PDB file of N, CA and C in Angstrom:
ATOM      1  N   MET A   1      -5.838 -55.444 -40.237  1.00  0.00           N
ATOM      2  CA  MET A   1      -4.529 -55.420 -39.540  1.00  0.00           C
ATOM      3  C   MET A   1      -4.735 -54.913 -38.209  1.00  0.00           C
ATOM      4  N   TRP A   2      -4.265 -55.702 -37.175  1.00  0.00           N
ATOM      5  CA  TRP A   2      -4.323 -55.239 -35.767  1.00  0.00           C
ATOM      6  C   TRP A   2      -3.321 -54.112 -35.558  1.00  0.00           C
ATOM      7  N   PRO A   3      -3.561 -53.161 -34.572  1.00  0.00           N
ATOM      8  CA  PRO A   3      -2.690 -52.135 -34.273  1.00  0.00           C
ATOM      9  C   PRO A   3      -1.317 -52.612 -33.714  1.00  0.00           C
ATOM     10  N   THR A   4      -1.329 -53.827 -33.344  1.00  0.00           N
ATOM     11  CA  THR A   4      -0.098 -54.409 -32.616  1.00  0.00           C
ATOM     12  C   THR A   4       0.798 -55.187 -33.739  1.00  0.00           C
ATOM     13  N   GLU A   5       0.360 -55.240 -35.001  1.00  0.00           N
ATOM     14  CA  GLU A   5       1.182 -55.951 -36.090  1.00  0.00           C
ATOM     15  C   GLU A   5       2.533 -55.248 -36.234  1.00  0.00           C
ATOM     16  N   SER A   6       3.394 -56.091 -36.461  1.00  0.00           N
ATOM     17  CA  SER A   6       4.847 -55.636 -36.528  1.00  0.00           C
ATOM     18  C   SER A   6       4.924 -54.721 -37.789  1.00  0.00           C
ATOM     19  N   ALA A   7       4.328 -55.069 -38.875  1.00  0.00           N
ATOM     20  CA  ALA A   7       4.456 -54.253 -40.083  1.00  0.00           C
ATOM     21  C   ALA A   7       3.928 -52.889 -39.870  1.00  0.00           C
ATOM     22  N   LEU A   8       2.859 -52.817 -39.032  1.00  0.00           N
ATOM     23  CA  LEU A   8       2.282 -51.447 -38.715  1.00  0.00           C
ATOM     24  C   LEU A   8       3.274 -50.676 -37.805  1.00  0.00           C
ATOM     25  N   ILE A   9       3.619 -51.402 -36.761  1.00  0.00           N
ATOM     26  CA  ILE A   9       4.502 -50.661 -35.609  1.00  0.00           C
ATOM     27  C   ILE A   9       5.916 -50.168 -36.227  1.00  0.00           C
ATOM     28  N   TRP A  10       6.494 -51.137 -37.051  1.00  0.00           N
ATOM     29  CA  TRP A  10       7.856 -50.870 -37.555  1.00  0.00           C
ATOM     30  C   TRP A  10       7.729 -50.280 -38.998  1.00  0.00           C
ATOM     31  N   GLY A  11       6.573 -50.091 -39.536  1.00  0.00           N
ATOM     32  CA  GLY A  11       6.517 -49.689 -41.036  1.00  0.00           C
ATOM     33  C   GLY A  11       7.264 -48.358 -41.301  1.00  0.00           C
ATOM     34  N   GLU A  12       7.083 -47.407 -40.527  1.00  0.00           N
ATOM     35  CA  GLU A  12       7.755 -46.095 -40.727  1.00  0.00           C
ATOM     36  C   GLU A  12       9.224 -46.274 -40.749  1.00  0.00           C
ATOM     37  N   LEU A  13       9.768 -47.072 -39.763  1.00  0.00           N
ATOM     38  CA  LEU A  13      11.219 -47.464 -39.781  1.00  0.00           C
ATOM     39  C   LEU A  13      11.652 -48.092 -40.893  1.00  0.00           C
ATOM     40  N   SER A  14      10.871 -49.044 -41.362  1.00  0.00           N
ATOM     41  CA  SER A  14      11.283 -49.866 -42.569  1.00  0.00           C
ATOM     42  C   SER A  14      11.258 -48.995 -43.798  1.00  0.00           C
ATOM     43  N   GLN A  15      10.346 -48.141 -44.019  1.00  0.00           N
ATOM     44  CA  GLN A  15      10.292 -47.234 -45.177  1.00  0.00           C
ATOM     45  C   GLN A  15      11.451 -46.275 -45.085  1.00  0.00           C
ATOM     46  N   ALA A  16      11.787 -45.785 -43.962  1.00  0.00           N
ATOM     47  CA  ALA A  16      12.980 -44.888 -43.837  1.00  0.00           C
ATOM     48  C   ALA A  16      14.296 -45.569 -44.152  1.00  0.00           C
ATOM     49  N   ILE A  17      14.449 -46.798 -43.797  1.00  0.00           N
ATOM     50  CA  ILE A  17      15.583 -47.665 -44.071  1.00  0.00           C
ATOM     51  C   ILE A  17      15.691 -47.845 -45.567  1.00  0.00           C
ATOM     52  N   ILE A  18      14.576 -48.240 -46.163  1.00  0.00           N
ATOM     53  CA  ILE A  18      14.575 -48.489 -47.651  1.00  0.00           C
ATOM     54  C   ILE A  18      14.889 -47.161 -48.390  1.00  0.00           C
ATOM     55  N   SER A  19      14.464 -46.077 -47.897  1.00  0.00           N
ATOM     56  CA  SER A  19      14.779 -44.679 -48.455  1.00  0.00           C
ATOM     57  C   SER A  19      16.156 -44.126 -48.182  1.00  0.00           C
ATOM     58  N   ASN A  20      16.888 -44.959 -47.329  1.00  0.00           N
ATOM     59  CA  ASN A  20      18.201 -44.518 -46.836  1.00  0.00           C
ATOM     60  C   ASN A  20      18.019 -43.175 -46.137  1.00  0.00           C
ATOM     61  N   ASN A  21      17.009 -42.917 -45.339  1.00  0.00           N
ATOM     62  CA  ASN A  21      16.740 -41.740 -44.581  1.00  0.00           C
ATOM     63  C   ASN A  21      17.005 -42.080 -43.168  1.00  0.00           C
ATOM     64  N   TRP A  22      18.317 -42.075 -42.782  1.00  0.00           N
ATOM     65  CA  TRP A  22      18.748 -42.591 -41.487  1.00  0.00           C
ATOM     66  C   TRP A  22      18.286 -41.662 -40.323  1.00  0.00           C
ATOM     67  N   GLY A  23      18.132 -40.471 -40.520  1.00  0.00           N
ATOM     68  CA  GLY A  23      17.646 -39.670 -39.376  1.00  0.00           C
ATOM     69  C   GLY A  23      16.155 -39.933 -39.206  1.00  0.00           C
ATOM     70  N   LYS A  24      15.399 -40.119 -40.156  1.00  0.00           N
ATOM     71  CA  LYS A  24      13.935 -40.560 -40.013  1.00  0.00           C
ATOM     72  C   LYS A  24      13.884 -41.980 -39.316  1.00  0.00           C
ATOM     73  N   ALA A  25      14.818 -42.843 -39.756  1.00  0.00           N
ATOM     74  CA  ALA A  25      14.738 -44.220 -39.281  1.00  0.00           C
ATOM     75  C   ALA A  25      15.091 -44.111 -37.740  1.00  0.00           C
ATOM     76  N   ARG A  26      16.104 -43.444 -37.389  1.00  0.00           N
ATOM     77  CA  ARG A  26      16.463 -43.303 -35.876  1.00  0.00           C
ATOM     78  C   ARG A  26      15.277 -42.646 -35.138  1.00  0.00           C
ATOM     79  N   GLU A  27      14.649 -41.739 -35.728  1.00  0.00           N
ATOM     80  CA  GLU A  27      13.538 -41.130 -34.925  1.00  0.00           C
ATOM     81  C   GLU A  27      12.329 -42.124 -34.908  1.00  0.00           C
ATOM     82  N   ALA A  28      12.072 -42.925 -35.988  1.00  0.00           N
ATOM     83  CA  ALA A  28      10.973 -43.862 -35.928  1.00  0.00           C
ATOM     84  C   ALA A  28      11.278 -44.941 -34.877  1.00  0.00           C
ATOM     85  N   LYS A  29      12.474 -45.413 -34.899  1.00  0.00           N
ATOM     86  CA  LYS A  29      12.947 -46.446 -33.893  1.00  0.00           C
ATOM     87  C   LYS A  29      12.735 -46.011 -32.572  1.00  0.00           C
ATOM     88  N   ASN A  30      13.164 -44.769 -32.274  1.00  0.00           N
ATOM     89  CA  ASN A  30      13.000 -44.147 -30.904  1.00  0.00           C
ATOM     90  C   ASN A  30      11.651 -44.026 -30.395  1.00  0.00           C
ATOM     91  N   THR A  31      10.733 -43.682 -31.374  1.00  0.00           N
ATOM     92  CA  THR A  31       9.317 -43.480 -31.084  1.00  0.00           C
ATOM     93  C   THR A  31       8.730 -44.924 -30.643  1.00  0.00           C
ATOM     94  N   VAL A  32       9.071 -45.958 -31.489  1.00  0.00           N
ATOM     95  CA  VAL A  32       8.614 -47.266 -31.184  1.00  0.00           C
ATOM     96  C   VAL A  32       9.069 -47.791 -29.803  1.00  0.00           C
ATOM     97  N   GLU A  33      10.335 -47.550 -29.563  1.00  0.00           N
ATOM     98  CA  GLU A  33      10.883 -47.973 -28.291  1.00  0.00           C
ATOM     99  C   GLU A  33      10.234 -47.331 -27.111  1.00  0.00           C
ATOM    100  N   GLU A  34      10.124 -45.948 -27.232  1.00  0.00           N
ATOM    101  CA  GLU A  34       9.525 -45.232 -26.223  1.00  0.00           C
ATOM    102  C   GLU A  34       8.060 -45.616 -25.871  1.00  0.00           C
ATOM    103  N   SER A  35       7.286 -45.829 -26.992  1.00  0.00           N
ATOM    104  CA  SER A  35       5.890 -46.355 -26.800  1.00  0.00           C
ATOM    105  C   SER A  35       5.910 -47.810 -26.064  1.00  0.00           C
ATOM    106  N   GLN A  36       6.896 -48.613 -26.433  1.00  0.00           N
ATOM    107  CA  GLN A  36       7.056 -49.829 -25.712  1.00  0.00           C
ATOM    108  C   GLN A  36       7.396 -49.696 -24.224  1.00  0.00           C
ATOM    109  N   ARG A  37       8.202 -48.856 -23.910  1.00  0.00           N
ATOM    110  CA  ARG A  37       8.537 -48.548 -22.547  1.00  0.00           C
ATOM    111  C   ARG A  37       7.329 -48.067 -21.690  1.00  0.00           C
ATOM    112  N   ILE A  38       6.527 -47.145 -22.412  1.00  0.00           N
ATOM    113  CA  ILE A  38       5.368 -46.622 -21.756  1.00  0.00           C
ATOM    114  C   ILE A  38       4.383 -47.762 -21.382  1.00  0.00           C
ATOM    115  N   LEU A  39       4.022 -48.613 -22.521  1.00  0.00           N
ATOM    116  CA  LEU A  39       3.269 -49.769 -22.258  1.00  0.00           C
ATOM    117  C   LEU A  39       3.733 -50.697 -21.135  1.00  0.00           C
ATOM    118  N   LEU A  40       5.052 -50.932 -21.017  1.00  0.00           N
ATOM    119  CA  LEU A  40       5.717 -51.694 -20.025  1.00  0.00           C
ATOM    120  C   LEU A  40       5.432 -51.164 -18.570  1.00  0.00           C
ATOM    121  N   ARG A  41       5.626 -49.876 -18.462  1.00  0.00           N
ATOM    122  CA  ARG A  41       5.437 -49.172 -17.274  1.00  0.00           C
ATOM    123  C   ARG A  41       4.019 -49.234 -16.847  1.00  0.00           C
ATOM    124  N   GLU A  42       3.026 -49.101 -17.724  1.00  0.00           N
ATOM    125  CA  GLU A  42       1.667 -49.276 -17.451  1.00  0.00           C
ATOM    126  C   GLU A  42       1.262 -50.571 -16.982  1.00  0.00           C
ATOM    127  N   ARG A  43       1.835 -51.666 -17.624  1.00  0.00           N
ATOM    128  CA  ARG A  43       1.595 -52.984 -17.252  1.00  0.00           C
ATOM    129  C   ARG A  43       2.117 -53.263 -15.747  1.00  0.00           C
ATOM    130  N   GLU A  44       3.279 -52.937 -15.577  1.00  0.00           N
ATOM    131  CA  GLU A  44       4.038 -53.039 -14.243  1.00  0.00           C
ATOM    132  C   GLU A  44       3.302 -52.378 -13.232  1.00  0.00           C
ATOM    133  N   SER A  45       2.693 -51.081 -13.426  1.00  0.00           N
ATOM    134  CA  SER A  45       1.950 -50.475 -12.517  1.00  0.00           C
ATOM    135  C   SER A  45       0.611 -51.069 -12.120  1.00  0.00           C
ATOM    136  N   LYS A  46       0.028 -51.818 -12.967  1.00  0.00           N
ATOM    137  CA  LYS A  46      -1.108 -52.573 -12.778  1.00  0.00           C
ATOM    138  C   LYS A  46      -0.826 -54.056 -12.355  1.00  0.00           C
ATOM    139  N   GLY A  47       0.414 -54.347 -12.300  1.00  0.00           N
ATOM    140  CA  GLY A  47       0.708 -55.743 -11.859  1.00  0.00           C
ATOM    141  C   GLY A  47       0.431 -56.846 -12.981  1.00  0.00           C
ATOM    142  N   GLU A  48       0.287 -56.358 -14.102  1.00  0.00           N
ATOM    143  CA  GLU A  48       0.045 -57.241 -15.302  1.00  0.00           C
ATOM    144  C   GLU A  48       1.417 -57.896 -15.901  1.00  0.00           C
ATOM    145  N   THR A  49       1.160 -59.140 -16.389  1.00  0.00           N
ATOM    146  CA  THR A  49       2.287 -59.739 -17.092  1.00  0.00           C
ATOM    147  C   THR A  49       1.959 -59.950 -18.492  1.00  0.00           C
ATOM    148  N   TRP A  50       2.750 -59.593 -19.314  1.00  0.00           N
ATOM    149  CA  TRP A  50       2.501 -59.777 -20.833  1.00  0.00           C
ATOM    150  C   TRP A  50       2.590 -61.095 -21.256  1.00  0.00           C
ATOM    151  N   VAL A  51       1.646 -61.555 -22.046  1.00  0.00           N
ATOM    152  CA  VAL A  51       1.496 -62.891 -22.510  1.00  0.00           C
ATOM    153  C   VAL A  51       1.341 -62.708 -24.037  1.00  0.00           C
ATOM    154  N   PRO A  52       2.138 -63.436 -24.975  1.00  0.00           N
ATOM    155  CA  PRO A  52       1.859 -63.335 -26.370  1.00  0.00           C
ATOM    156  C   PRO A  52       0.570 -63.873 -26.619  1.00  0.00           C
ATOM    157  N   LYS A  53      -0.138 -63.262 -27.695  1.00  0.00           N
ATOM    158  CA  LYS A  53      -1.547 -63.657 -28.015  1.00  0.00           C
ATOM    159  C   LYS A  53      -1.459 -64.705 -29.151  1.00  0.00           C
ATOM    160  N   HIS A  54      -0.341 -64.821 -30.036  1.00  0.00           N
ATOM    161  CA  HIS A  54      -0.453 -65.758 -31.079  1.00  0.00           C
ATOM    162  C   HIS A  54       0.617 -66.838 -31.035  1.00  0.00           C
ATOM    163  N   PHE A  55       1.601 -66.681 -30.254  1.00  0.00           N
ATOM    164  CA  PHE A  55       2.736 -67.641 -30.209  1.00  0.00           C
ATOM    165  C   PHE A  55       3.036 -68.082 -28.746  1.00  0.00           C
ATOM    166  N   ILE A  56       3.637 -69.276 -28.606  1.00  0.00           N
ATOM    167  CA  ILE A  56       4.202 -69.649 -27.370  1.00  0.00           C
ATOM    168  C   ILE A  56       5.627 -69.791 -27.574  1.00  0.00           C
ATOM    169  N   VAL A  57       6.434 -69.072 -26.744  1.00  0.00           N
ATOM    170  CA  VAL A  57       7.850 -68.994 -26.928  1.00  0.00           C
ATOM    171  C   VAL A  57       8.450 -69.776 -25.741  1.00  0.00           C
ATOM    172  N   THR A  58       9.341 -70.876 -26.110  1.00  0.00           N
ATOM    173  CA  THR A  58       9.925 -71.667 -25.097  1.00  0.00           C
ATOM    174  C   THR A  58      11.396 -71.715 -25.381  1.00  0.00           C
ATOM    175  N   HIS A  59      12.210 -72.061 -24.205  1.00  0.00           N
ATOM    176  CA  HIS A  59      13.698 -72.124 -24.370  1.00  0.00           C
ATOM    177  C   HIS A  59      14.129 -73.313 -23.494  1.00  0.00           C
ATOM    178  N   SER A  60      15.038 -74.006 -24.051  1.00  0.00           N
ATOM    179  CA  SER A  60      15.631 -75.092 -23.269  1.00  0.00           C
ATOM    180  C   SER A  60      17.118 -75.223 -23.682  1.00  0.00           C
ATOM    181  N   LYS A  61      18.007 -75.648 -22.847  1.00  0.00           N
ATOM    182  CA  LYS A  61      19.432 -75.849 -23.101  1.00  0.00           C
ATOM    183  C   LYS A  61      19.666 -76.769 -24.297  1.00  0.00           C
ATOM    184  N   GLU A  62      18.801 -77.875 -24.394  1.00  0.00           N
ATOM    185  CA  GLU A  62      18.871 -78.845 -25.471  1.00  0.00           C
ATOM    186  C   GLU A  62      18.477 -78.333 -26.698  1.00  0.00           C
ATOM    187  N   ASP A  63      17.335 -77.640 -26.864  1.00  0.00           N
ATOM    188  CA  ASP A  63      16.730 -77.243 -28.130  1.00  0.00           C
ATOM    189  C   ASP A  63      16.926 -75.750 -28.484  1.00  0.00           C
ATOM    190  N   GLY A  64      17.296 -74.959 -27.603  1.00  0.00           N
ATOM    191  CA  GLY A  64      17.411 -73.519 -27.776  1.00  0.00           C
ATOM    192  C   GLY A  64      16.004 -72.901 -27.762  1.00  0.00           C
ATOM    193  N   TRP A  65      15.843 -71.877 -28.460  1.00  0.00           N
ATOM    194  CA  TRP A  65      14.568 -71.097 -28.521  1.00  0.00           C
ATOM    195  C   TRP A  65      13.529 -71.795 -29.519  1.00  0.00           C
ATOM    196  N   ASN A  66      12.303 -71.832 -29.176  1.00  0.00           N
ATOM    197  CA  ASN A  66      11.299 -72.340 -30.122  1.00  0.00           C
ATOM    198  C   ASN A  66      10.128 -71.429 -29.978  1.00  0.00           C
ATOM    199  N   CYS A  67       9.599 -71.128 -31.174  1.00  0.00           N
ATOM    200  CA  CYS A  67       8.380 -70.410 -31.205  1.00  0.00           C
ATOM    201  C   CYS A  67       7.282 -71.225 -31.880  1.00  0.00           C
ATOM    202  N   SER A  68       6.149 -71.446 -31.261  1.00  0.00           N
ATOM    203  CA  SER A  68       5.088 -72.220 -31.767  1.00  0.00           C
ATOM    204  C   SER A  68       3.833 -71.412 -31.881  1.00  0.00           C
ATOM    205  N   PRO A  69       3.064 -71.546 -32.912  1.00  0.00           N
ATOM    206  CA  PRO A  69       1.724 -70.783 -32.985  1.00  0.00           C
ATOM    207  C   PRO A  69       0.703 -71.306 -32.225  1.00  0.00           C
ATOM    208  N   ILE A  70      -0.146 -70.543 -31.517  1.00  0.00           N
ATOM    209  CA  ILE A  70      -1.205 -70.942 -30.862  1.00  0.00           C
ATOM    210  C   ILE A  70      -2.320 -71.590 -31.739  1.00  0.00           C
ATOM    211  N   GLN A  71      -2.586 -70.727 -32.886  1.00  0.00           N
ATOM    212  CA  GLN A  71      -3.462 -71.246 -33.913  1.00  0.00           C
ATOM    213  C   GLN A  71      -2.649 -72.113 -34.918  1.00  0.00           C
ATOM    214  N   LYS A  72      -3.153 -73.369 -35.202  1.00  0.00           N
ATOM    215  CA  LYS A  72      -2.433 -74.309 -35.822  1.00  0.00           C
ATOM    216  C   LYS A  72      -2.410 -73.996 -37.435  1.00  0.00           C
ATOM    217  N   TRP A  73      -3.255 -72.885 -37.861  1.00  0.00           N
ATOM    218  CA  TRP A  73      -2.979 -72.509 -39.274  1.00  0.00           C
ATOM    219  C   TRP A  73      -1.781 -71.754 -39.555  1.00  0.00           C
ATOM    220  N   VAL A  74      -0.991 -71.416 -38.502  1.00  0.00           N
ATOM    221  CA  VAL A  74       0.313 -70.722 -38.719  1.00  0.00           C
ATOM    222  C   VAL A  74       1.461 -71.857 -38.556  1.00  0.00           C
ATOM    223  N   SER A  75       2.300 -71.979 -39.498  1.00  0.00           N
ATOM    224  CA  SER A  75       3.333 -72.978 -39.358  1.00  0.00           C
ATOM    225  C   SER A  75       4.313 -72.548 -38.290  1.00  0.00           C
ATOM    226  N   ASP A  76       5.023 -73.527 -37.751  1.00  0.00           N
ATOM    227  CA  ASP A  76       6.029 -73.407 -36.761  1.00  0.00           C
ATOM    228  C   ASP A  76       7.109 -72.473 -37.317  1.00  0.00           C
ATOM    229  N   ALA A  77       7.726 -71.673 -36.547  1.00  0.00           N
ATOM    230  CA  ALA A  77       8.900 -70.905 -37.081  1.00  0.00           C
ATOM    231  C   ALA A  77       9.987 -70.881 -35.970  1.00  0.00           C
ATOM    232  N   PRO A  78      11.126 -71.597 -36.229  1.00  0.00           N
ATOM    233  CA  PRO A  78      12.272 -71.678 -35.248  1.00  0.00           C
ATOM    234  C   PRO A  78      12.851 -70.156 -35.089  1.00  0.00           C
ATOM    235  N   ILE A  79      13.387 -69.866 -33.956  1.00  0.00           N
ATOM    236  CA  ILE A  79      14.014 -68.615 -33.622  1.00  0.00           C
ATOM    237  C   ILE A  79      15.576 -68.855 -33.855  1.00  0.00           C
ATOM    238  N   ALA A  80      16.179 -68.182 -34.717  1.00  0.00           N
ATOM    239  CA  ALA A  80      17.481 -68.373 -34.960  1.00  0.00           C
ATOM    240  C   ALA A  80      18.326 -67.218 -34.385  1.00  0.00           C
ATOM    241  N   THR A  81      19.388 -67.419 -33.544  1.00  0.00           N
ATOM    242  CA  THR A  81      20.238 -66.397 -32.951  1.00  0.00           C
ATOM    243  C   THR A  81      21.666 -66.578 -33.370  1.00  0.00           C
ATOM    244  N   LEU A  82      22.366 -65.517 -33.548  1.00  0.00           N
ATOM    245  CA  LEU A  82      23.824 -65.700 -33.877  1.00  0.00           C
ATOM    246  C   LEU A  82      24.597 -65.455 -32.631  1.00  0.00           C
TER     247      LEU A  82
END
């Protein structure tokens, strides 16, 4: 598992929610968000643009959001918004 996998990054939060430990969930969420802010600041200071490694995300007025895998062994997954 890569260190950037969602299951790894959000695992502590997920476990806290399952355990109904809302204080721990809040703390885990804040930790993830702050880590993401730090990474964003580092990229911005270097003039880097983040590009997804595994998916291509597109948006159009006609079709809405679409998420297509770069590797074809992963099936397409539409993005649903409410």
